[in-house]
Amino acid sequence: MVYILSFYNQKVSQMIVEKYDIAPLSALRKFLFSETYRMLSDEELEMWEFGPLGIFDMWEVEQITGNPRNSLYIRRD
């Protein structure tokens, strides 16, 4: 699980840096303290099946709506 989280930390924080033009450490901190990250860290949810783009979408939806569960990746509308 450590390797999986490390992979997502790198990929998702890089996407945050590129899209929002913020410092890498700030991007990583924003991701690590999110509900999206908490869900990703929960092995029972098996969130790694979504891939980095899906997790980034959930994080972004969380920033906008306050809840990563509003992401189309989870709702599957």
PDB file of N, CA and C in Angstrom:
ATOM      1  N   MET A   1       0.824  -1.202   0.000  1.00  0.00           N
ATOM      2  CA  MET A   1       0.000   0.000   0.000  1.00  0.00           C
ATOM      3  C   MET A   1       0.862   1.256   0.000  1.00  0.00           C
ATOM      4  N   VAL A   2       2.015   1.202   0.635  1.00  0.00           N
ATOM      5  CA  VAL A   2       2.911   2.368   0.687  1.00  0.00           C
ATOM      6  C   VAL A   2       3.335   2.778  -0.719  1.00  0.00           C
ATOM      7  N   TYR A   3       3.637   1.801  -1.565  1.00  0.00           N
ATOM      8  CA  TYR A   3       4.066   2.105  -2.927  1.00  0.00           C
ATOM      9  C   TYR A   3       2.928   2.689  -3.749  1.00  0.00           C
ATOM     10  N   ILE A   4       1.738   2.184  -3.532  1.00  0.00           N
ATOM     11  CA  ILE A   4       0.566   2.703  -4.249  1.00  0.00           C
ATOM     12  C   ILE A   4       0.326   4.156  -3.860  1.00  0.00           C
ATOM     13  N   LEU A   5       0.330   4.444  -2.569  1.00  0.00           N
ATOM     14  CA  LEU A   5       0.101   5.811  -2.104  1.00  0.00           C
ATOM     15  C   LEU A   5       1.196   6.751  -2.594  1.00  0.00           C
ATOM     16  N   SER A   6       2.430   6.291  -2.585  1.00  0.00           N
ATOM     17  CA  SER A   6       3.547   7.103  -3.067  1.00  0.00           C
ATOM     18  C   SER A   6       3.353   7.457  -4.547  1.00  0.00           C
ATOM     19  N   PHE A   7       2.922   6.485  -5.329  1.00  0.00           N
ATOM     20  CA  PHE A   7       2.650   6.713  -6.748  1.00  0.00           C
ATOM     21  C   PHE A   7       1.575   7.781  -6.924  1.00  0.00           C
ATOM     22  N   TYR A   8       0.450   7.631  -6.218  1.00  0.00           N
ATOM     23  CA  TYR A   8      -0.634   8.608  -6.323  1.00  0.00           C
ATOM     24  C   TYR A   8      -0.222   9.979  -5.791  1.00  0.00           C
ATOM     25  N   ASN A   9       0.541  10.010  -4.715  1.00  0.00           N
ATOM     26  CA  ASN A   9       1.018  11.291  -4.180  1.00  0.00           C
ATOM     27  C   ASN A   9       1.776  12.061  -5.249  1.00  0.00           C
ATOM     28  N   GLN A  10       2.659  11.367  -5.935  1.00  0.00           N
ATOM     29  CA  GLN A  10       3.471  12.006  -6.968  1.00  0.00           C
ATOM     30  C   GLN A  10       2.606  12.455  -8.145  1.00  0.00           C
ATOM     31  N   LYS A  11       1.804  11.560  -8.671  1.00  0.00           N
ATOM     32  CA  LYS A  11       1.026  11.849  -9.872  1.00  0.00           C
ATOM     33  C   LYS A  11      -0.028  12.934  -9.640  1.00  0.00           C
ATOM     34  N   VAL A  12      -0.813  12.788  -8.589  1.00  0.00           N
ATOM     35  CA  VAL A  12      -1.896  13.734  -8.334  1.00  0.00           C
ATOM     36  C   VAL A  12      -1.342  15.107  -7.950  1.00  0.00           C
ATOM     37  N   SER A  13      -0.327  15.150  -7.113  1.00  0.00           N
ATOM     38  CA  SER A  13       0.232  16.460  -6.743  1.00  0.00           C
ATOM     39  C   SER A  13       0.843  17.149  -7.965  1.00  0.00           C
ATOM     40  N   GLN A  14       1.427  16.382  -8.884  1.00  0.00           N
ATOM     41  CA  GLN A  14       1.963  16.978 -10.105  1.00  0.00           C
ATOM     42  C   GLN A  14       0.836  17.563 -10.967  1.00  0.00           C
ATOM     43  N   MET A  15      -0.281  16.881 -11.032  1.00  0.00           N
ATOM     44  CA  MET A  15      -1.434  17.410 -11.780  1.00  0.00           C
ATOM     45  C   MET A  15      -1.946  18.702 -11.147  1.00  0.00           C
ATOM     46  N   ILE A  16      -1.946  18.764  -9.825  1.00  0.00           N
ATOM     47  CA  ILE A  16      -2.368  19.978  -9.116  1.00  0.00           C
ATOM     48  C   ILE A  16      -1.414  21.116  -9.431  1.00  0.00           C
ATOM     49  N   VAL A  17      -0.120  20.835  -9.403  1.00  0.00           N
ATOM     50  CA  VAL A  17       0.901  21.845  -9.720  1.00  0.00           C
ATOM     51  C   VAL A  17       0.681  22.386 -11.129  1.00  0.00           C
ATOM     52  N   GLU A  18       0.506  21.488 -12.077  1.00  0.00           N
ATOM     53  CA  GLU A  18       0.371  21.892 -13.477  1.00  0.00           C
ATOM     54  C   GLU A  18      -0.910  22.685 -13.737  1.00  0.00           C
ATOM     55  N   LYS A  19      -2.008  22.268 -13.148  1.00  0.00           N
ATOM     56  CA  LYS A  19      -3.278  22.944 -13.422  1.00  0.00           C
ATOM     57  C   LYS A  19      -3.440  24.244 -12.641  1.00  0.00           C
ATOM     58  N   TYR A  20      -2.980  24.264 -11.392  1.00  0.00           N
ATOM     59  CA  TYR A  20      -3.223  25.415 -10.528  1.00  0.00           C
ATOM     60  C   TYR A  20      -1.993  26.281 -10.292  1.00  0.00           C
ATOM     61  N   ASP A  21      -0.866  25.893 -10.881  1.00  0.00           N
ATOM     62  CA  ASP A  21       0.367  26.683 -10.803  1.00  0.00           C
ATOM     63  C   ASP A  21       0.737  27.047  -9.362  1.00  0.00           C
ATOM     64  N   ILE A  22       0.779  26.020  -8.512  1.00  0.00           N
ATOM     65  CA  ILE A  22       1.207  26.232  -7.133  1.00  0.00           C
ATOM     66  C   ILE A  22       2.465  25.402  -6.879  1.00  0.00           C
ATOM     67  N   ALA A  23       3.138  25.706  -5.809  1.00  0.00           N
ATOM     68  CA  ALA A  23       4.385  25.024  -5.470  1.00  0.00           C
ATOM     69  C   ALA A  23       4.126  23.535  -5.214  1.00  0.00           C
ATOM     70  N   PRO A  24       5.068  22.683  -5.589  1.00  0.00           N
ATOM     71  CA  PRO A  24       4.892  21.235  -5.407  1.00  0.00           C
ATOM     72  C   PRO A  24       4.572  20.815  -3.970  1.00  0.00           C
ATOM     73  N   LEU A  25       5.239  21.403  -3.004  1.00  0.00           N
ATOM     74  CA  LEU A  25       4.981  21.022  -1.610  1.00  0.00           C
ATOM     75  C   LEU A  25       3.575  21.430  -1.183  1.00  0.00           C
ATOM     76  N   SER A  26       3.122  22.588  -1.622  1.00  0.00           N
ATOM     77  CA  SER A  26       1.754  23.028  -1.314  1.00  0.00           C
ATOM     78  C   SER A  26       0.732  22.108  -1.964  1.00  0.00           C
ATOM     79  N   ALA A  27       1.001  21.692  -3.191  1.00  0.00           N
ATOM     80  CA  ALA A  27       0.099  20.782  -3.892  1.00  0.00           C
ATOM     81  C   ALA A  27       0.016  19.448  -3.164  1.00  0.00           C
ATOM     82  N   LEU A  28       1.154  18.928  -2.766  1.00  0.00           N
ATOM     83  CA  LEU A  28       1.177  17.665  -2.031  1.00  0.00           C
ATOM     84  C   LEU A  28       0.425  17.799  -0.719  1.00  0.00           C
ATOM     85  N   ARG A  29       0.636  18.881  -0.015  1.00  0.00           N
ATOM     86  CA  ARG A  29      -0.040  19.112   1.266  1.00  0.00           C
ATOM     87  C   ARG A  29      -1.560  19.173   1.066  1.00  0.00           C
ATOM     88  N   LYS A  30      -2.012  19.881   0.024  1.00  0.00           N
ATOM     89  CA  LYS A  30      -3.447  19.971  -0.256  1.00  0.00           C
ATOM     90  C   LYS A  30      -4.039  18.590  -0.504  1.00  0.00           C
ATOM     91  N   PHE A  31      -3.305  17.757  -1.233  1.00  0.00           N
ATOM     92  CA  PHE A  31      -3.790  16.421  -1.518  1.00  0.00           C
ATOM     93  C   PHE A  31      -3.794  15.550  -0.258  1.00  0.00           C
ATOM     94  N   LEU A  32      -2.709  15.577   0.504  1.00  0.00           N
ATOM     95  CA  LEU A  32      -2.586  14.719   1.686  1.00  0.00           C
ATOM     96  C   LEU A  32      -3.616  15.026   2.767  1.00  0.00           C
ATOM     97  N   PHE A  33      -4.088  16.268   2.825  1.00  0.00           N
ATOM     98  CA  PHE A  33      -5.050  16.651   3.849  1.00  0.00           C
ATOM     99  C   PHE A  33      -6.485  16.678   3.325  1.00  0.00           C
ATOM    100  N   SER A  34      -6.722  16.001   2.225  1.00  0.00           N
ATOM    101  CA  SER A  34      -8.055  15.989   1.624  1.00  0.00           C
ATOM    102  C   SER A  34      -8.833  14.733   2.010  1.00  0.00           C
ATOM    103  N   GLU A  35     -10.124  14.830   1.867  1.00  0.00           N
ATOM    104  CA  GLU A  35     -10.992  13.667   2.055  1.00  0.00           C
ATOM    105  C   GLU A  35     -10.702  12.630   0.971  1.00  0.00           C
ATOM    106  N   THR A  36     -10.368  13.086  -0.215  1.00  0.00           N
ATOM    107  CA  THR A  36     -10.018  12.180  -1.311  1.00  0.00           C
ATOM    108  C   THR A  36      -8.854  11.290  -0.909  1.00  0.00           C
ATOM    109  N   TYR A  37      -7.832  11.877  -0.300  1.00  0.00           N
ATOM    110  CA  TYR A  37      -6.671  11.096   0.132  1.00  0.00           C
ATOM    111  C   TYR A  37      -7.052  10.122   1.235  1.00  0.00           C
ATOM    112  N   ARG A  38      -7.904  10.558   2.152  1.00  0.00           N
ATOM    113  CA  ARG A  38      -8.352   9.668   3.214  1.00  0.00           C
ATOM    114  C   ARG A  38      -9.063   8.457   2.614  1.00  0.00           C
ATOM    115  N   MET A  39      -9.885   8.690   1.615  1.00  0.00           N
ATOM    116  CA  MET A  39     -10.593   7.592   0.953  1.00  0.00           C
ATOM    117  C   MET A  39      -9.605   6.687   0.209  1.00  0.00           C
ATOM    118  N   LEU A  40      -8.626   7.280  -0.462  1.00  0.00           N
ATOM    119  CA  LEU A  40      -7.611   6.507  -1.178  1.00  0.00           C
ATOM    120  C   LEU A  40      -6.816   5.630  -0.219  1.00  0.00           C
ATOM    121  N   SER A  41      -6.573   6.122   0.981  1.00  0.00           N
ATOM    122  CA  SER A  41      -5.792   5.396   1.982  1.00  0.00           C
ATOM    123  C   SER A  41      -6.559   4.245   2.619  1.00  0.00           C
ATOM    124  N   ASP A  42      -7.866   4.240   2.462  1.00  0.00           N
ATOM    125  CA  ASP A  42      -8.708   3.182   3.032  1.00  0.00           C
ATOM    126  C   ASP A  42      -8.686   1.981   2.091  1.00  0.00           C
ATOM    127  N   GLU A  43      -7.978   0.939   2.485  1.00  0.00           N
ATOM    128  CA  GLU A  43      -7.801  -0.240   1.628  1.00  0.00           C
ATOM    129  C   GLU A  43      -9.125  -0.899   1.250  1.00  0.00           C
ATOM    130  N   GLU A  44     -10.119  -0.805   2.108  1.00  0.00           N
ATOM    131  CA  GLU A  44     -11.407  -1.430   1.829  1.00  0.00           C
ATOM    132  C   GLU A  44     -12.126  -0.782   0.650  1.00  0.00           C
ATOM    133  N   LEU A  45     -11.859   0.485   0.388  1.00  0.00           N
ATOM    134  CA  LEU A  45     -12.535   1.185  -0.716  1.00  0.00           C
ATOM    135  C   LEU A  45     -11.922   0.867  -2.083  1.00  0.00           C
ATOM    136  N   GLU A  46     -10.691   0.374  -2.093  1.00  0.00           N
ATOM    137  CA  GLU A  46      -9.987   0.016  -3.338  1.00  0.00           C
ATOM    138  C   GLU A  46     -10.033   1.136  -4.383  1.00  0.00           C
ATOM    139  N   MET A  47      -9.751   2.350  -3.948  1.00  0.00           N
ATOM    140  CA  MET A  47      -9.818   3.523  -4.817  1.00  0.00           C
ATOM    141  C   MET A  47      -8.742   3.533  -5.902  1.00  0.00           C
ATOM    142  N   TRP A  48      -7.678   2.754  -5.737  1.00  0.00           N
ATOM    143  CA  TRP A  48      -6.597   2.750  -6.723  1.00  0.00           C
ATOM    144  C   TRP A  48      -7.081   2.226  -8.072  1.00  0.00           C
ATOM    145  N   GLU A  49      -8.245   1.622  -8.120  1.00  0.00           N
ATOM    146  CA  GLU A  49      -8.795   1.148  -9.391  1.00  0.00           C
ATOM    147  C   GLU A  49      -9.135   2.295 -10.337  1.00  0.00           C
ATOM    148  N   PHE A  50      -9.297   3.506  -9.822  1.00  0.00           N
ATOM    149  CA  PHE A  50      -9.671   4.653 -10.635  1.00  0.00           C
ATOM    150  C   PHE A  50      -8.517   5.242 -11.432  1.00  0.00           C
ATOM    151  N   GLY A  51      -7.293   5.054 -11.006  1.00  0.00           N
ATOM    152  CA  GLY A  51      -6.145   5.642 -11.679  1.00  0.00           C
ATOM    153  C   GLY A  51      -5.947   7.091 -11.254  1.00  0.00           C
ATOM    154  N   PRO A  52      -4.776   7.668 -11.565  1.00  0.00           N
ATOM    155  CA  PRO A  52      -4.460   9.029 -11.140  1.00  0.00           C
ATOM    156  C   PRO A  52      -5.431  10.085 -11.655  1.00  0.00           C
ATOM    157  N   LEU A  53      -5.890   9.980 -12.893  1.00  0.00           N
ATOM    158  CA  LEU A  53      -6.823  10.981 -13.419  1.00  0.00           C
ATOM    159  C   LEU A  53      -8.150  10.956 -12.674  1.00  0.00           C
ATOM    160  N   GLY A  54      -8.620   9.768 -12.343  1.00  0.00           N
ATOM    161  CA  GLY A  54      -9.852   9.652 -11.577  1.00  0.00           C
ATOM    162  C   GLY A  54      -9.714  10.226 -10.184  1.00  0.00           C
ATOM    163  N   ILE A  55      -8.606   9.933  -9.534  1.00  0.00           N
ATOM    164  CA  ILE A  55      -8.359  10.459  -8.187  1.00  0.00           C
ATOM    165  C   ILE A  55      -8.208  11.977  -8.232  1.00  0.00           C
ATOM    166  N   PHE A  56      -7.525  12.481  -9.260  1.00  0.00           N
ATOM    167  CA  PHE A  56      -7.404  13.935  -9.407  1.00  0.00           C
ATOM    168  C   PHE A  56      -8.784  14.563  -9.588  1.00  0.00           C
ATOM    169  N   ASP A  57      -9.644  13.939 -10.391  1.00  0.00           N
ATOM    170  CA  ASP A  57     -10.993  14.457 -10.584  1.00  0.00           C
ATOM    171  C   ASP A  57     -11.753  14.495  -9.261  1.00  0.00           C
ATOM    172  N   MET A  58     -11.627  13.442  -8.470  1.00  0.00           N
ATOM    173  CA  MET A  58     -12.298  13.412  -7.175  1.00  0.00           C
ATOM    174  C   MET A  58     -11.781  14.517  -6.266  1.00  0.00           C
ATOM    175  N   TRP A  59     -10.461  14.725  -6.276  1.00  0.00           N
ATOM    176  CA  TRP A  59      -9.878  15.784  -5.447  1.00  0.00           C
ATOM    177  C   TRP A  59     -10.401  17.147  -5.906  1.00  0.00           C
ATOM    178  N   GLU A  60     -10.433  17.352  -7.213  1.00  0.00           N
ATOM    179  CA  GLU A  60     -10.887  18.636  -7.751  1.00  0.00           C
ATOM    180  C   GLU A  60     -12.365  18.875  -7.427  1.00  0.00           C
ATOM    181  N   VAL A  61     -13.184  17.850  -7.561  1.00  0.00           N
ATOM    182  CA  VAL A  61     -14.605  17.964  -7.212  1.00  0.00           C
ATOM    183  C   VAL A  61     -14.742  18.275  -5.725  1.00  0.00           C
ATOM    184  N   GLU A  62     -13.905  17.664  -4.902  1.00  0.00           N
ATOM    185  CA  GLU A  62     -13.925  17.954  -3.463  1.00  0.00           C
ATOM    186  C   GLU A  62     -13.616  19.424  -3.207  1.00  0.00           C
ATOM    187  N   GLN A  63     -12.670  19.993  -3.937  1.00  0.00           N
ATOM    188  CA  GLN A  63     -12.312  21.397  -3.749  1.00  0.00           C
ATOM    189  C   GLN A  63     -13.468  22.314  -4.129  1.00  0.00           C
ATOM    190  N   ILE A  64     -14.242  21.908  -5.125  1.00  0.00           N
ATOM    191  CA  ILE A  64     -15.346  22.735  -5.619  1.00  0.00           C
ATOM    192  C   ILE A  64     -16.613  22.546  -4.790  1.00  0.00           C
ATOM    193  N   THR A  65     -16.957  21.291  -4.489  1.00  0.00           N
ATOM    194  CA  THR A  65     -18.239  21.003  -3.842  1.00  0.00           C
ATOM    195  C   THR A  65     -18.113  20.656  -2.365  1.00  0.00           C
ATOM    196  N   GLY A  66     -16.887  20.319  -1.932  1.00  0.00           N
ATOM    197  CA  GLY A  66     -16.689  19.917  -0.547  1.00  0.00           C
ATOM    198  C   GLY A  66     -16.805  18.418  -0.325  1.00  0.00           C
ATOM    199  N   ASN A  67     -17.129  17.664  -1.401  1.00  0.00           N
ATOM    200  CA  ASN A  67     -17.315  16.225  -1.236  1.00  0.00           C
ATOM    201  C   ASN A  67     -16.810  15.487  -2.476  1.00  0.00           C
ATOM    202  N   PRO A  68     -15.775  14.653  -2.336  1.00  0.00           N
ATOM    203  CA  PRO A  68     -15.262  13.924  -3.495  1.00  0.00           C
ATOM    204  C   PRO A  68     -16.265  12.923  -4.055  1.00  0.00           C
ATOM    205  N   ARG A  69     -17.257  12.576  -3.267  1.00  0.00           N
ATOM    206  CA  ARG A  69     -18.264  11.613  -3.723  1.00  0.00           C
ATOM    207  C   ARG A  69     -19.170  12.184  -4.802  1.00  0.00           C
ATOM    208  N   ASN A  70     -19.072  13.493  -5.057  1.00  0.00           N
ATOM    209  CA  ASN A  70     -19.829  14.121  -6.141  1.00  0.00           C
ATOM    210  C   ASN A  70     -19.178  13.904  -7.499  1.00  0.00           C
ATOM    211  N   SER A  71     -17.999  13.322  -7.524  1.00  0.00           N
ATOM    212  CA  SER A  71     -17.291  13.044  -8.779  1.00  0.00           C
ATOM    213  C   SER A  71     -18.058  12.034  -9.613  1.00  0.00           C
ATOM    214  N   LEU A  72     -18.035  12.234 -10.922  1.00  0.00           N
ATOM    215  CA  LEU A  72     -18.688  11.281 -11.826  1.00  0.00           C
ATOM    216  C   LEU A  72     -18.065   9.898 -11.739  1.00  0.00           C
ATOM    217  N   TYR A  73     -16.803   9.818 -11.319  1.00  0.00           N
ATOM    218  CA  TYR A  73     -16.139   8.521 -11.185  1.00  0.00           C
ATOM    219  C   TYR A  73     -16.803   7.671 -10.109  1.00  0.00           C
ATOM    220  N   ILE A  74     -17.360   8.306  -9.102  1.00  0.00           N
ATOM    221  CA  ILE A  74     -18.014   7.568  -8.034  1.00  0.00           C
ATOM    222  C   ILE A  74     -19.516   7.452  -8.305  1.00  0.00           C
ATOM    223  N   ARG A  75     -20.123   8.541  -8.753  1.00  0.00           N
ATOM    224  CA  ARG A  75     -21.565   8.535  -9.005  1.00  0.00           C
ATOM    225  C   ARG A  75     -21.925   7.689 -10.209  1.00  0.00           C
ATOM    226  N   ARG A  76     -21.045   7.676 -11.192  1.00  0.00           N
ATOM    227  CA  ARG A  76     -21.247   6.907 -12.435  1.00  0.00           C
ATOM    228  C   ARG A  76     -22.549   7.279 -13.139  1.00  0.00           C
ATOM    229  N   ASP A  77     -22.819   8.594 -13.201  1.00  0.00           N
ATOM    230  CA  ASP A  77     -24.018   9.088 -13.921  1.00  0.00           C
ATOM    231  C   ASP A  77     -23.833   8.977 -15.413  1.00  0.00           C
TER     232      ASP A  77
END
